[in-house]
Amino acid sequence: MWILTRRIALALALSTTAAAGVARAQDAAPAPDPADAVRPEPDQPPKLVPDLPTVPWRHDRLAFGWTSIKTAPLPKDREGIWVLDFAYKPLRIQTVEVPGKGRRSLHYLYYKVVNRTSSPRPFYPQFIMVNERGQRFEDAVVREAIPVIQNREDPTIPLRGAVDIMGVIPPSTKEGVDDAVFGVAVWDDWDRSSDRFSIYVRGLSDGYKEITPPDGGKPLVKYKTLRLDFIRRGDERNIAENEIEPADPPYDWVYW
């Protein structure tokens, strides 16, 4: 799971840099005059996670091709969890020129996220493609693909990829308008022979549960995860995006 490791390393690097900057500023500041002290100001910790800029999306805007996910609580959810609203377009294939690799056929999932809860929520998504044999394929960092996909889907809407999608989504409070964040998950590595596969989306909720193994060992933590299910019709030699169809039902919430 090198993508997750890279994201964690990025967050730690930001933390280290911010902390070093605070220390240098404290060393350079002159000693305060006790006579001027009235009330100490509380320390403000450095903000390590940026707020993600949002795009207004009117409720009366045509939304052809979008699938919206129901976020109503499930019986298996613990009380008080939050869930971000998620919608996505059909899984597509885009050919992109990648330096050092040439022309690559990439699978991509174009999506939007809206925070309809009452508080800002962190968004650290993971997109994992799993075929019918249980093989996993992580979403990839392919910077060259982002402007190509944005131009195809909607050139007017800023699009974020695996690296710059991490941040905090503010609550959407406007009437008749959603403050949405638009992102895309990209796969450079995938199974051409797969007939059925799923995409697991983590990071849309803080829901989790602990599962005790049958042998009574250490409990396993499973997270509330959105599973998108697909069927691919056709052979592995001539791959076309119109051969990829949503399963019936197209999605489910699972603990994974």
Protein backbone atom coordinates (compact mmCIF):
# COMPACT_ATOMS: atom_id res chain seq x y z
CA MET A 1 0.00 0.00 0.00
CA TRP A 2 2.71 2.45 -1.08
CA ILE A 3 0.19 5.22 -1.89
CA LEU A 4 -1.05 5.27 1.73
CA THR A 5 2.56 5.16 2.98
CA ARG A 6 3.46 8.10 0.75
CA ARG A 7 0.46 10.11 2.01
CA ILE A 8 1.39 9.45 5.64
CA ALA A 9 5.01 10.44 4.92
CA LEU A 10 3.81 13.68 3.34
CA ALA A 11 1.73 14.53 6.40
CA LEU A 12 4.69 13.80 8.71
CA ALA A 13 6.99 15.97 6.58
CA LEU A 14 4.54 18.86 6.79
CA SER A 15 4.35 18.38 10.56
CA THR A 16 8.15 18.42 10.94
CA THR A 17 8.55 21.52 8.76
CA ALA A 18 5.83 23.43 10.61
CA ALA A 19 7.27 22.54 14.00
CA ALA A 20 10.77 23.64 12.94
CA GLY A 21 9.40 26.97 11.73
CA VAL A 22 7.66 27.62 15.06
CA ALA A 23 10.87 26.82 16.98
CA ARG A 24 12.97 29.24 14.87
CA ALA A 25 10.42 32.01 15.35
CA GLN A 26 10.43 31.51 19.11
CA ASP A 27 14.25 31.61 19.25
CA ALA A 28 14.39 34.88 17.28
CA ALA A 29 11.72 36.75 19.25
CA PRO A 30 12.91 39.26 21.92
CA ALA A 31 12.16 38.56 25.57
CA PRO A 32 8.81 40.08 26.61
CA ASP A 33 8.65 42.92 29.15
CA PRO A 34 6.78 41.65 32.25
CA ALA A 35 5.15 45.09 32.61
CA ASP A 36 3.46 44.63 29.24
CA ALA A 37 2.01 41.24 30.12
CA VAL A 38 -1.72 41.41 30.72
CA ARG A 39 -3.06 38.06 29.64
CA PRO A 40 -1.11 35.33 27.83
CA GLU A 41 -2.37 34.47 24.39
CA PRO A 42 -3.10 30.76 23.84
CA ASP A 43 -0.64 28.99 21.59
CA GLN A 44 -2.00 28.32 18.11
CA PRO A 45 -0.75 24.99 16.80
CA PRO A 46 0.41 25.01 13.18
CA LYS A 47 -2.29 23.88 10.76
CA LEU A 48 -0.96 20.75 9.09
CA VAL A 49 -4.00 19.86 7.02
CA PRO A 50 -5.25 22.39 4.45
CA ASP A 51 -8.88 23.26 3.84
CA LEU A 52 -9.93 21.93 0.46
CA PRO A 53 -11.42 24.61 -1.81
CA THR A 54 -14.95 23.75 -2.92
CA VAL A 55 -16.94 24.31 -6.09
CA PRO A 56 -20.62 25.44 -5.91
CA TRP A 57 -22.92 22.82 -7.45
CA ARG A 58 -26.53 23.93 -7.84
CA HIS A 59 -29.21 21.38 -7.02
CA ASP A 60 -31.09 22.23 -10.23
CA ARG A 61 -28.03 21.60 -12.38
CA LEU A 62 -28.30 18.70 -14.81
CA ALA A 63 -26.39 15.74 -13.41
CA PHE A 64 -26.49 13.25 -16.26
CA GLY A 65 -24.46 10.11 -15.61
CA TRP A 66 -23.92 10.63 -11.89
CA THR A 67 -24.70 7.93 -9.32
CA SER A 68 -25.39 9.35 -5.85
CA ILE A 69 -24.73 7.21 -2.79
CA LYS A 70 -27.26 6.91 0.03
CA THR A 71 -25.67 7.79 3.37
CA ALA A 72 -28.47 6.85 5.77
CA PRO A 73 -27.16 5.06 8.91
CA LEU A 74 -27.03 1.27 8.78
CA PRO A 75 -28.07 -1.06 11.61
CA LYS A 76 -24.43 -2.14 11.96
CA ASP A 77 -23.18 1.47 12.40
CA ARG A 78 -22.26 2.71 15.84
CA GLU A 79 -24.14 5.76 17.02
CA GLY A 80 -22.83 9.22 16.20
CA ILE A 81 -20.63 8.51 13.16
CA TRP A 82 -20.45 10.93 10.25
CA VAL A 83 -20.55 10.12 6.54
CA LEU A 84 -19.64 12.34 3.60
CA ASP A 85 -21.92 12.46 0.56
CA PHE A 86 -20.38 10.81 -2.49
CA ALA A 87 -21.36 10.65 -6.15
CA TYR A 88 -19.47 9.22 -9.11
CA LYS A 89 -19.60 8.81 -12.86
CA PRO A 90 -19.15 5.48 -14.71
CA LEU A 91 -15.68 3.99 -14.63
CA ARG A 92 -13.86 5.11 -17.77
CA ILE A 93 -10.65 4.50 -19.70
CA GLN A 94 -8.37 7.30 -20.88
CA THR A 95 -5.17 7.05 -22.91
CA VAL A 96 -2.47 9.33 -21.52
CA GLU A 97 1.13 9.96 -22.54
CA VAL A 98 3.22 9.22 -19.44
CA PRO A 99 6.93 10.20 -19.44
CA GLY A 100 9.13 7.11 -19.42
CA LYS A 101 6.18 4.78 -20.05
CA GLY A 102 4.70 6.00 -23.32
CA ARG A 103 0.97 5.87 -24.05
CA ARG A 104 -0.93 4.23 -21.20
CA SER A 105 -4.57 3.16 -20.98
CA LEU A 106 -5.71 4.24 -17.52
CA HIS A 107 -8.89 3.38 -15.68
CA TYR A 108 -10.31 6.34 -13.78
CA LEU A 109 -13.20 7.14 -11.44
CA TYR A 110 -14.46 10.74 -11.52
CA TYR A 111 -16.24 11.71 -8.30
CA LYS A 112 -17.47 14.54 -6.09
CA VAL A 113 -17.70 14.75 -2.31
CA VAL A 114 -19.94 17.03 -0.22
CA ASN A 115 -19.84 17.50 3.54
CA ARG A 116 -23.45 17.79 4.71
CA THR A 117 -22.55 17.29 8.37
CA SER A 118 -22.38 20.16 10.84
CA SER A 119 -18.58 20.31 11.18
CA PRO A 120 -15.45 20.31 8.99
CA ARG A 121 -14.40 16.74 8.19
CA PRO A 122 -11.00 15.30 7.19
CA PHE A 123 -10.82 13.59 3.82
CA TYR A 124 -8.00 11.08 3.26
CA PRO A 125 -9.45 8.79 0.61
CA GLN A 126 -8.19 5.39 -0.47
CA PHE A 127 -9.39 3.77 -3.68
CA ILE A 128 -8.56 0.09 -4.02
CA MET A 129 -9.62 -2.04 -6.99
CA VAL A 130 -10.10 -5.74 -6.15
CA ASN A 131 -10.79 -8.39 -8.80
CA GLU A 132 -12.73 -11.63 -8.36
CA ARG A 133 -9.53 -13.45 -7.33
CA GLY A 134 -8.83 -11.01 -4.50
CA GLN A 135 -5.93 -9.19 -6.17
CA ARG A 136 -5.63 -5.55 -5.12
CA PHE A 137 -4.68 -2.59 -7.29
CA GLU A 138 -4.02 0.79 -5.63
CA ASP A 139 -4.94 4.09 -7.24
CA ALA A 140 -1.84 5.62 -8.78
CA VAL A 141 -0.19 9.03 -8.89
CA VAL A 142 -0.24 9.99 -12.57
CA ARG A 143 -0.03 13.78 -12.66
CA GLU A 144 -0.18 13.90 -16.45
CA ALA A 145 -3.63 12.32 -16.40
CA ILE A 146 -5.34 15.00 -14.28
CA PRO A 147 -5.58 17.83 -16.89
CA VAL A 148 -6.54 15.33 -19.61
CA ILE A 149 -9.39 13.91 -17.52
CA GLN A 150 -10.49 17.38 -16.37
CA ASN A 151 -10.70 18.55 -19.97
CA ARG A 152 -12.81 15.50 -20.86
CA GLU A 153 -15.21 15.68 -17.90
CA ASP A 154 -15.61 19.41 -17.24
CA PRO A 155 -12.83 21.94 -18.02
CA THR A 156 -14.49 24.54 -15.78
CA ILE A 157 -14.19 22.51 -12.55
CA PRO A 158 -10.80 22.17 -10.79
CA LEU A 159 -9.92 18.50 -10.40
CA ARG A 160 -7.77 16.92 -7.70
CA GLY A 161 -5.78 13.69 -7.90
CA ALA A 162 -4.28 11.30 -5.35
CA VAL A 163 -1.71 13.77 -3.97
CA ASP A 164 -3.66 17.02 -3.54
CA ILE A 165 -7.08 15.61 -2.58
CA MET A 166 -6.11 15.24 1.10
CA GLY A 167 -7.47 17.92 3.41
CA VAL A 168 -10.46 19.15 5.35
CA ILE A 169 -13.85 19.62 3.68
CA PRO A 170 -15.93 22.44 5.22
CA PRO A 171 -19.64 21.84 5.83
CA SER A 172 -21.97 22.74 2.99
CA THR A 173 -24.63 25.08 4.38
CA LYS A 174 -25.99 27.06 1.40
CA GLU A 175 -29.59 26.47 0.42
CA GLY A 176 -29.97 24.94 -3.01
CA VAL A 177 -26.19 24.71 -3.56
CA ASP A 178 -23.63 22.07 -2.57
CA ASP A 179 -20.04 23.06 -1.83
CA ALA A 180 -18.39 20.11 -3.56
CA VAL A 181 -14.84 18.82 -3.96
CA PHE A 182 -14.13 17.08 -7.27
CA GLY A 183 -11.53 14.33 -7.49
CA VAL A 184 -10.38 11.45 -9.63
CA ALA A 185 -8.86 8.07 -8.80
CA VAL A 186 -6.58 6.60 -11.48
CA TRP A 187 -5.31 3.06 -12.06
CA ASP A 188 -2.29 2.42 -14.24
CA ASP A 189 -2.12 -1.21 -13.11
CA TRP A 190 -5.24 -3.40 -13.42
CA ASP A 191 -6.31 -6.90 -14.45
CA ARG A 192 -7.24 -7.11 -18.14
CA SER A 193 -8.74 -10.59 -17.70
CA SER A 194 -11.09 -9.68 -14.86
CA ASP A 195 -14.83 -10.15 -15.51
CA ARG A 196 -16.01 -8.81 -12.14
CA PHE A 197 -14.28 -6.39 -9.81
CA SER A 198 -15.01 -3.88 -7.06
CA ILE A 199 -13.61 -0.52 -6.03
CA TYR A 200 -13.42 0.00 -2.27
CA VAL A 201 -13.53 3.65 -1.16
CA ARG A 202 -12.27 4.45 2.33
CA GLY A 203 -12.19 7.86 3.99
CA LEU A 204 -15.85 8.81 3.60
CA SER A 205 -16.73 8.10 7.23
CA ASP A 206 -15.22 7.74 10.70
CA GLY A 207 -17.21 4.56 11.29
CA TYR A 208 -15.31 1.46 12.39
CA LYS A 209 -15.81 -1.74 14.32
CA GLU A 210 -13.53 -4.22 16.05
CA ILE A 211 -13.86 -7.87 15.07
CA THR A 212 -12.55 -10.56 17.40
CA PRO A 213 -10.96 -13.45 15.45
CA PRO A 214 -12.31 -16.97 16.06
CA ASP A 215 -9.05 -17.91 17.76
CA GLY A 216 -9.51 -15.11 20.29
CA GLY A 217 -6.46 -13.17 19.10
CA LYS A 218 -6.00 -9.43 18.76
CA PRO A 219 -9.19 -7.70 17.53
CA LEU A 220 -9.20 -6.60 13.89
CA VAL A 221 -10.33 -3.07 13.05
CA LYS A 222 -12.57 -2.76 10.01
CA TYR A 223 -13.66 0.59 8.61
CA LYS A 224 -16.94 1.72 7.09
CA THR A 225 -16.15 1.51 3.39
CA LEU A 226 -18.09 2.13 0.19
CA ARG A 227 -17.88 -0.77 -2.28
CA LEU A 228 -18.64 -0.08 -5.95
CA ASP A 229 -19.26 -3.24 -7.99
CA PHE A 230 -18.64 -3.62 -11.73
CA ILE A 231 -18.98 -6.21 -14.49
CA ARG A 232 -16.72 -6.24 -17.54
CA ARG A 233 -18.04 -7.82 -20.73
CA GLY A 234 -15.70 -8.70 -23.57
CA ASP A 235 -12.23 -10.21 -23.84
CA GLU A 236 -8.90 -9.04 -22.49
CA ARG A 237 -7.44 -8.12 -25.88
CA ASN A 238 -9.85 -5.37 -26.85
CA ILE A 239 -10.65 -3.39 -23.72
CA ALA A 240 -13.32 -0.71 -24.12
CA GLU A 241 -14.96 1.44 -21.45
CA ASN A 242 -18.47 0.76 -22.80
CA GLU A 243 -17.96 -2.88 -21.80
CA ILE A 244 -17.75 -1.89 -18.12
CA GLU A 245 -21.16 -1.91 -16.46
CA PRO A 246 -22.32 -1.39 -12.87
CA ALA A 247 -23.43 -4.54 -11.12
CA ASP A 248 -26.93 -4.95 -9.68
CA PRO A 249 -26.99 -3.45 -7.09
CA PRO A 250 -24.17 -1.07 -8.06
CA TYR A 251 -22.83 -0.42 -4.57
CA ASP A 252 -22.99 -1.33 -0.89
CA TRP A 253 -21.63 -0.07 2.43
CA VAL A 254 -19.41 -2.65 4.12
CA TYR A 255 -16.93 -2.85 6.99
CA TRP A 256 -13.62 -3.74 5.32
